[in-house]
Protein backbone atom coordinates (compact mmCIF):
# COMPACT_ATOMS: atom_id res chain seq x y z
CA MET A 1 -0.10 -0.05 -0.46
CA ALA A 2 1.54 3.46 -1.26
CA SER A 3 1.94 5.77 1.32
CA ALA A 4 -0.15 9.38 0.68
CA GLY A 5 3.38 11.13 -0.52
CA ALA A 6 3.32 8.79 -3.50
CA VAL A 7 -0.18 9.73 -4.49
CA ARG A 8 -0.48 11.97 -7.68
CA HIS A 9 -4.27 11.87 -8.09
CA ARG A 10 -6.80 13.10 -5.94
CA ALA A 11 -8.23 10.59 -3.43
CA PRO A 12 -11.61 10.12 -2.35
CA ASP A 13 -12.98 12.75 0.15
CA PHE A 14 -15.66 9.74 1.53
CA PHE A 15 -16.29 6.58 1.73
CA ILE A 16 -19.36 3.97 2.01
CA VAL A 17 -17.52 1.25 3.79
CA GLY A 18 -20.61 -1.16 4.12
CA HIS A 19 -22.25 -3.39 5.09
CA PRO A 20 -23.47 -5.38 2.17
CA LYS A 21 -27.22 -5.45 1.95
CA SER A 22 -27.78 -2.61 4.17
CA GLY A 23 -28.92 -0.07 1.29
CA THR A 24 -25.25 0.90 0.51
CA SER A 25 -26.47 0.72 -3.72
CA ALA A 26 -29.15 2.74 -3.31
CA LEU A 27 -27.26 5.10 -1.04
CA PHE A 28 -24.51 5.12 -3.74
CA GLN A 29 -27.25 5.86 -6.43
CA MET A 30 -28.77 8.60 -4.83
CA LEU A 31 -25.58 10.50 -4.00
CA ARG A 32 -24.03 10.22 -7.21
CA SER A 33 -27.26 11.94 -8.87
CA ASN A 34 -25.99 15.02 -6.76
CA PRO A 35 -23.80 17.35 -9.19
CA ARG A 36 -21.43 18.26 -6.42
CA LEU A 37 -20.58 14.66 -5.95
CA HIS A 38 -17.75 12.65 -8.38
CA MET A 39 -18.78 8.69 -7.60
CA PRO A 40 -18.03 7.20 -10.66
CA ARG A 41 -18.31 3.33 -9.84
CA LYS A 42 -19.39 0.99 -7.06
CA GLU A 43 -16.95 -1.79 -5.63
CA PRO A 44 -13.38 -1.00 -6.35
CA SER A 45 -12.26 -2.74 -3.53
CA PHE A 46 -8.57 -1.47 -3.64
CA PHE A 47 -8.26 -1.06 0.16
CA VAL A 48 -9.18 -4.89 0.67
CA PRO A 49 -6.50 -7.07 -1.71
CA GLU A 50 -7.60 -9.95 0.85
CA ILE A 51 -10.40 -10.64 -1.04
CA TRP A 52 -8.59 -9.97 -4.67
CA PRO A 53 -8.87 -13.46 -6.72
CA ALA A 54 -5.38 -14.98 -7.33
CA GLY A 55 -3.29 -13.40 -10.12
CA TRP A 56 -6.00 -10.55 -10.15
CA ARG A 57 -4.43 -7.89 -12.44
CA LYS A 58 -6.77 -4.67 -11.84
CA TYR A 59 -4.31 -2.85 -10.53
CA ALA A 60 -1.28 -3.42 -11.84
CA ASN A 61 0.15 -0.06 -11.61
CA GLY A 62 -1.01 -0.21 -8.03
CA ILE A 63 -2.78 2.92 -6.45
CA ASP A 64 -2.15 5.18 -9.45
CA ASP A 65 -4.69 2.74 -11.44
CA TYR A 66 -6.83 2.89 -8.66
CA LEU A 67 -6.92 6.76 -8.44
CA ALA A 68 -7.16 7.10 -12.10
CA TYR A 69 -10.99 6.12 -11.33
CA PHE A 70 -11.79 9.30 -10.22
CA ASP A 71 -9.73 11.61 -12.59
CA ASP A 72 -12.62 13.13 -13.95
CA ALA A 73 -13.99 14.75 -11.54
CA ALA A 74 -14.22 18.82 -11.29
CA PRO A 75 -12.32 20.76 -8.99
CA GLU A 76 -15.59 22.16 -6.90
CA GLN A 77 -16.69 17.83 -6.91
CA LEU A 78 -16.23 15.74 -3.72
CA ILE A 79 -15.00 12.33 -4.78
CA GLY A 80 -16.72 9.33 -3.39
CA GLU A 81 -16.29 5.78 -3.26
CA ALA A 82 -18.36 2.95 -1.86
CA THR A 83 -17.16 -0.73 -1.46
CA THR A 84 -19.11 -2.65 1.18
CA ALA A 85 -16.07 -4.99 2.50
CA TYR A 86 -14.01 -2.07 3.95
CA LEU A 87 -16.28 -2.52 7.09
CA TRP A 88 -16.10 -6.27 6.94
CA SER A 89 -12.46 -6.08 6.80
CA LYS A 90 -9.75 -5.91 9.65
CA HIS A 91 -7.19 -3.46 7.78
CA ALA A 92 -9.02 -1.33 5.28
CA ALA A 93 -9.80 1.54 7.77
CA THR A 94 -5.82 1.83 8.24
CA ARG A 95 -5.20 1.66 4.57
CA ILE A 96 -7.82 4.32 3.67
CA ALA A 97 -6.14 6.49 6.37
CA GLU A 98 -2.69 6.11 5.05
CA VAL A 99 -3.94 7.31 1.57
CA GLN A 100 -6.54 9.73 2.78
CA PRO A 101 -6.26 10.88 6.48
CA ASP A 102 -9.21 13.16 6.51
CA ALA A 103 -11.54 11.09 4.84
CA ARG A 104 -15.31 11.01 5.63
CA ILE A 105 -16.35 7.61 6.54
CA ILE A 106 -20.30 6.09 5.95
CA ALA A 107 -21.13 3.05 7.57
CA ILE A 108 -24.83 1.38 7.28
CA LEU A 109 -25.98 -1.04 9.86
CA ARG A 110 -28.79 -3.65 9.56
CA GLU A 111 -30.79 -5.65 12.22
CA PRO A 112 -28.26 -8.78 12.36
CA ALA A 113 -30.59 -11.99 11.54
CA SER A 114 -32.12 -10.35 8.76
CA PHE A 115 -28.65 -9.05 7.72
CA LEU A 116 -27.16 -12.63 7.77
CA ARG A 117 -30.50 -13.73 5.76
CA SER A 118 -30.25 -11.27 3.38
CA LEU A 119 -26.08 -11.49 2.90
CA HIS A 120 -26.68 -15.42 2.63
CA LEU A 121 -29.42 -15.11 -0.38
CA GLN A 122 -26.51 -12.63 -1.91
CA PHE A 123 -23.55 -14.97 -1.47
CA VAL A 124 -25.67 -18.11 -2.84
CA ARG A 125 -26.93 -16.10 -5.90
CA SER A 126 -23.40 -14.57 -6.65
CA ASN A 127 -21.62 -17.83 -5.99
CA VAL A 128 -19.79 -17.25 -2.98
CA GLU A 129 -21.70 -20.31 -1.05
CA ASN A 130 -22.92 -22.90 -2.08
CA GLU A 131 -24.99 -24.27 0.71
CA SER A 132 -28.36 -22.99 -0.04
CA ASP A 133 -29.63 -23.64 3.74
CA LEU A 134 -29.04 -20.65 5.90
CA ARG A 135 -28.53 -22.60 8.99
CA LYS A 136 -26.26 -24.88 7.79
CA ALA A 137 -24.22 -22.29 6.38
CA ILE A 138 -23.89 -20.61 9.86
CA ALA A 139 -23.05 -23.90 11.52
CA LEU A 140 -20.06 -24.24 9.36
CA ASP A 141 -18.29 -20.86 10.84
CA GLN A 142 -16.07 -22.75 12.99
CA ALA A 143 -14.91 -24.87 10.33
CA ARG A 144 -14.88 -21.89 7.78
CA GLY A 145 -12.59 -19.94 10.19
CA GLU A 146 -9.82 -22.21 10.26
CA GLY A 147 -9.93 -22.86 6.39
CA ALA A 148 -11.92 -26.62 6.29
CA ARG A 149 -15.34 -26.52 4.75
CA LEU A 150 -15.03 -23.86 1.93
CA PRO A 151 -16.66 -24.23 -1.87
CA PRO A 152 -14.25 -24.96 -4.29
CA ASN A 153 -15.54 -22.71 -6.35
CA SER A 154 -16.58 -19.63 -4.38
CA THR A 155 -15.51 -16.50 -5.45
CA ARG A 156 -14.55 -14.78 -2.24
CA PRO A 157 -14.26 -17.88 0.58
CA GLN A 158 -12.76 -15.42 3.14
CA ALA A 159 -16.25 -13.80 3.70
CA LEU A 160 -17.98 -16.89 4.45
CA VAL A 161 -17.81 -16.75 8.26
CA TYR A 162 -21.09 -15.18 8.90
CA SER A 163 -20.57 -14.32 12.62
CA GLU A 164 -17.39 -11.94 11.63
CA HIS A 165 -20.10 -9.68 9.56
CA VAL A 166 -21.69 -9.16 12.79
CA ARG A 167 -18.79 -7.44 15.14
CA TYR A 168 -20.73 -4.10 14.95
CA VAL A 169 -18.64 -2.31 17.45
CA GLU A 170 -15.34 -3.58 16.65
CA GLN A 171 -15.87 -2.48 13.07
CA LEU A 172 -17.26 0.76 14.35
CA ARG A 173 -14.06 1.21 16.59
CA ARG A 174 -11.43 0.58 13.94
CA TYR A 175 -12.82 3.69 11.88
CA HIS A 176 -13.08 5.88 14.92
CA ALA A 177 -9.57 4.97 15.72
CA ALA A 178 -8.37 6.17 12.28
CA PHE A 179 -10.78 8.58 11.68
CA GLY A 180 -12.39 10.07 15.04
CA ARG A 181 -15.75 9.78 15.81
CA GLU A 182 -16.84 13.22 14.21
CA ARG A 183 -15.92 12.04 10.60
CA VAL A 184 -17.68 8.77 10.60
CA LEU A 185 -21.52 8.84 10.10
CA VAL A 186 -23.22 5.45 11.15
CA LEU A 187 -26.41 4.88 9.62
CA ILE A 188 -29.17 2.30 10.77
CA TYR A 189 -30.67 0.65 7.33
CA GLU A 190 -34.06 0.69 8.64
CA ASP A 191 -34.21 4.53 9.22
CA PHE A 192 -32.89 4.67 5.93
CA ARG A 193 -35.80 2.47 4.32
CA ALA A 194 -38.80 4.64 6.27
CA ASP A 195 -37.57 7.96 4.84
CA ASN A 196 -34.67 8.02 2.14
CA ALA A 197 -34.95 11.76 1.76
CA ARG A 198 -34.47 12.52 5.52
CA THR A 199 -31.35 9.82 5.49
CA ILE A 200 -29.48 11.69 2.31
CA GLY A 201 -30.32 15.24 3.58
CA GLU A 202 -28.12 13.65 6.73
CA VAL A 203 -25.39 12.43 4.93
CA LEU A 204 -25.37 15.69 2.81
CA GLU A 205 -25.03 17.61 6.08
CA PHE A 206 -22.30 15.12 6.96
CA LEU A 207 -20.41 16.00 3.78
CA ASP A 208 -21.23 19.49 4.23
CA VAL A 209 -22.93 19.91 0.80
CA GLU A 210 -25.95 21.86 0.48
CA SER A 211 -28.69 20.28 -2.30
CA SER A 212 -32.50 21.39 -2.98
CA ALA A 213 -32.27 18.41 -5.51
CA PRO A 214 -35.53 16.21 -5.06
CA VAL A 215 -34.25 12.85 -4.12
CA GLU A 216 -35.32 9.89 -5.73
CA LEU A 217 -36.69 6.54 -4.07
CA ILE A 218 -34.47 3.72 -4.74
CA GLU A 219 -35.81 0.38 -3.72
CA ALA A 220 -32.87 -1.31 -1.81
CA ASN A 221 -32.17 -4.92 -1.23
CA HIS A 222 -35.41 -6.66 -2.75
CA SER A 223 -35.08 -10.69 -2.55
CA SER A 224 -32.89 -12.19 -4.44
CA GLY A 225 -32.89 -15.39 -6.32
CA VAL A 226 -31.35 -18.58 -5.05
CA ARG A 227 -28.70 -20.20 -7.63
CA SER A 228 -28.63 -23.28 -8.01
CA ALA A 229 -24.94 -24.33 -6.94
CA ARG A 230 -25.16 -27.84 -8.86
CA VAL A 231 -26.18 -25.86 -12.17
CA TYR A 232 -23.85 -23.37 -11.78
CA ASP A 233 -21.07 -25.32 -11.88
CA LEU A 234 -22.01 -27.39 -14.60
CA VAL A 235 -22.25 -24.30 -16.76
CA ARG A 236 -19.34 -22.84 -15.65
CA SER A 237 -17.34 -26.00 -16.18
CA VAL A 238 -18.48 -26.16 -19.83
CA TYR A 239 -17.80 -22.58 -20.53
CA LEU A 240 -14.27 -22.36 -19.25
CA GLY A 241 -13.40 -25.77 -20.40
CA ARG A 242 -11.32 -26.36 -17.31
CA SER A 243 -11.89 -30.25 -16.89
CA PRO A 244 -10.93 -33.21 -19.39
CA ALA A 245 -14.30 -34.30 -20.15
CA THR A 246 -15.71 -30.44 -21.02
CA ARG A 247 -12.35 -29.11 -22.93
CA PRO A 248 -13.69 -31.16 -26.31
CA LEU A 249 -17.74 -29.87 -25.48
CA LYS A 250 -15.88 -26.01 -25.03
CA ALA A 251 -13.57 -26.37 -28.21
CA ALA A 252 -16.73 -27.38 -30.43
CA ILE A 253 -18.91 -24.52 -29.14
CA LYS A 254 -16.69 -21.82 -29.74
CA THR A 255 -15.79 -23.45 -33.33
CA ILE A 256 -19.37 -22.63 -34.16
CA THR A 257 -21.15 -20.02 -32.09
CA PRO A 258 -20.09 -16.55 -31.89
CA ARG A 259 -18.94 -15.31 -28.89
CA ARG A 260 -21.71 -13.27 -27.94
CA VAL A 261 -24.07 -15.71 -28.50
CA ARG A 262 -22.48 -17.84 -26.00
CA HIS A 263 -22.40 -15.26 -23.55
CA GLU A 264 -25.98 -14.67 -23.54
CA ALA A 265 -26.66 -18.22 -23.45
CA VAL A 266 -24.75 -18.30 -20.16
CA ALA A 267 -26.91 -15.37 -19.05
CA ALA A 268 -30.15 -17.09 -20.18
CA VAL A 269 -29.21 -20.18 -18.54
CA ASN A 270 -28.36 -18.40 -15.04
CA ARG A 271 -31.40 -16.54 -14.86
CA MET A 272 -33.45 -19.71 -15.52
CA GLN A 273 -31.70 -22.02 -13.04
CA ARG A 274 -32.40 -19.12 -10.03
CA SER A 275 -35.24 -20.06 -7.90
CA SER A 276 -37.59 -17.77 -5.71
CA PRO A 277 -35.77 -16.87 -2.18
CA PRO A 278 -37.00 -19.57 0.53
CA PRO A 279 -39.44 -18.36 3.20
CA VAL A 280 -38.33 -16.90 6.08
CA ASP A 281 -37.27 -19.63 9.19
CA ALA A 282 -38.85 -18.00 12.01
CA GLU A 283 -37.59 -20.11 14.76
CA LEU A 284 -33.85 -19.70 13.09
CA MET A 285 -34.48 -15.72 13.04
CA ARG A 286 -35.06 -16.13 16.73
CA GLU A 287 -32.33 -18.12 17.28
CA LEU A 288 -30.38 -15.61 15.70
CA ARG A 289 -31.82 -13.21 17.74
CA HIS A 290 -30.84 -14.46 20.94
CA ARG A 291 -27.16 -15.16 19.63
CA PHE A 292 -26.90 -11.65 18.58
CA LYS A 293 -28.36 -9.70 21.01
CA ALA A 294 -25.31 -9.43 23.01
CA GLU A 295 -23.97 -7.32 20.32
CA VAL A 296 -26.92 -5.62 19.56
CA GLU A 297 -26.98 -4.20 23.38
CA SER A 298 -22.98 -3.18 23.39
CA LEU A 299 -24.09 -1.44 20.04
CA SER A 300 -26.97 0.56 21.81
CA GLU A 301 -24.09 1.18 24.39
CA TYR A 302 -21.74 2.58 21.90
CA LEU A 303 -23.81 4.48 19.37
CA ASP A 304 -25.95 5.87 22.39
CA ARG A 305 -29.08 4.73 20.50
CA ASP A 306 -31.77 1.98 22.06
CA LEU A 307 -31.46 -0.60 19.13
CA VAL A 308 -32.55 -3.08 21.47
CA GLY A 309 -35.81 -1.90 21.47
CA PHE A 310 -35.61 -0.25 18.09
CA TRP A 311 -34.54 -3.90 16.67
CA GLY A 312 -37.15 -5.41 19.24
CA TYR A 313 -34.63 -7.26 20.39
CA ASP A 314 -36.42 -7.02 23.80
CA ARG A 315 -39.22 -8.71 22.99
CA ILE A 316 -37.76 -12.14 21.67
CA ASP A 317 -38.49 -14.88 23.98
């Protein structure tokens, strides 16, 4: 990671650091429509190299490649970046501070049980997770934390220890230590869902940006379909041709089928083999709320807000 003195471009002025499935995409889209803000892309992921795929060459020239994304910003614009893994990462806060010590940080937290359910659905859909049953997936936390029982084709196996995502106070402390509490805005997902305009106003005030432009409501985190891991692995093996059995088939397909048509076919198969999300397992949700009640109590004290009552943790039996 390069030091601040080596930076030749402008670095982002503020960062949306996560969590995923907590309204970050909607917040990003709403903010980027403001002419005072320059937010060219979501999920650059520069400050979380621990999740980069092996051999990834996206940032071959290091930080210069990353900062080049923001070169089109006008002098009067604030530059913003949004990567949902930054809050989960144990090192992203200090890495960001090395490059932009005056950055402003925006974090979004969601009620833990619904957060993990939504996160798991997203992981299954995006080929991070191959265990479609949430209860079974969470039961694998210890083994996966030790590097075992990981999906062979996972695009992000490091993120599959679900309990590591619900260390809210620890995650916030890292950013408070790096930037100070006054430069970190903590939003609650359920507040954002209930009142988009009020939350956007709070964010713009935090960024010292005046705006009278109307806020267009963006629905965040609609239910995701669940991808069949078996069908995905079959499609992927044929398309990539990595096994002896599928290499001849891939070669034949490439010979007779244009590249554009092949890509469209794979996309169509991916769409067809998704199913509707499973119904909510009320008993599992209750168990998860019991499990994470202490974290919610600690967060309530840390933020000086009664999230125990707000999230209904005072009513679980």
